[in-house]
Protein backbone atom coordinates (compact mmCIF):
# COMPACT_ATOMS: atom_id res chain seq x y z
CA MET A 1 0.00 0.01 0.00
CA LYS A 2 2.84 2.38 0.81
CA VAL A 3 4.43 1.77 -2.57
CA LEU A 4 1.18 2.66 -4.33
CA ARG A 5 0.94 5.91 -2.41
CA TYR A 6 4.52 6.78 -3.34
CA LEU A 7 3.90 5.95 -7.02
CA LEU A 8 0.81 8.15 -6.94
CA LEU A 9 2.91 11.00 -5.50
CA LEU A 10 5.50 10.52 -8.24
CA ALA A 11 2.80 10.54 -10.91
CA VAL A 12 1.39 13.81 -9.59
CA LEU A 13 4.86 15.35 -9.46
CA ALA A 14 5.64 14.15 -12.98
CA GLY A 15 2.39 15.75 -14.19
CA ALA A 16 3.33 19.05 -12.56
CA VAL A 17 6.82 18.98 -14.10
CA TRP A 18 5.32 18.08 -17.49
CA GLN A 19 3.16 21.22 -17.33
CA VAL A 20 5.76 23.56 -15.80
CA PRO A 21 9.32 22.24 -16.34
CA VAL A 22 10.82 24.89 -14.08
CA LEU A 23 9.36 23.06 -11.08
CA TRP A 24 11.65 20.03 -11.46
CA GLU A 25 13.78 20.95 -8.38
CA LEU A 26 10.66 21.25 -6.26
CA ALA A 27 9.49 17.87 -7.56
CA VAL A 28 12.80 16.25 -6.60
CA ALA A 29 12.58 17.72 -3.11
CA ALA A 30 8.96 16.56 -2.79
CA ALA A 31 9.90 13.05 -3.94
CA ILE A 32 12.62 12.83 -1.29
CA GLY A 33 10.36 14.26 1.39
CA GLY A 34 7.52 11.98 0.31
CA ALA A 35 9.76 8.92 0.54
CA TYR A 36 10.70 9.88 4.09
CA TRP A 37 7.13 10.66 5.07
CA ILE A 38 5.63 7.50 3.59
CA PHE A 39 8.32 4.93 4.39
CA PHE A 40 10.52 6.13 7.28
CA ARG A 41 8.62 8.36 9.70
CA ILE A 42 7.69 7.00 13.10
CA PRO A 43 3.89 7.22 13.56
CA PRO A 44 2.77 9.13 16.65
CA SER A 45 1.83 6.97 19.60
CA ARG A 46 -1.72 6.94 20.78
CA ASP A 47 -1.38 6.96 24.54
């Protein structure tokens, strides 16, 4: 499920870069941040 969410994020970013090529650096930063957020963050505890 996480992989599908990341692929969806990449598809959205690719669409944005396709429309406005100047945004490629923002898309790279969002892809890196998205990978961290989806795969590596520690979920908050529900105490």
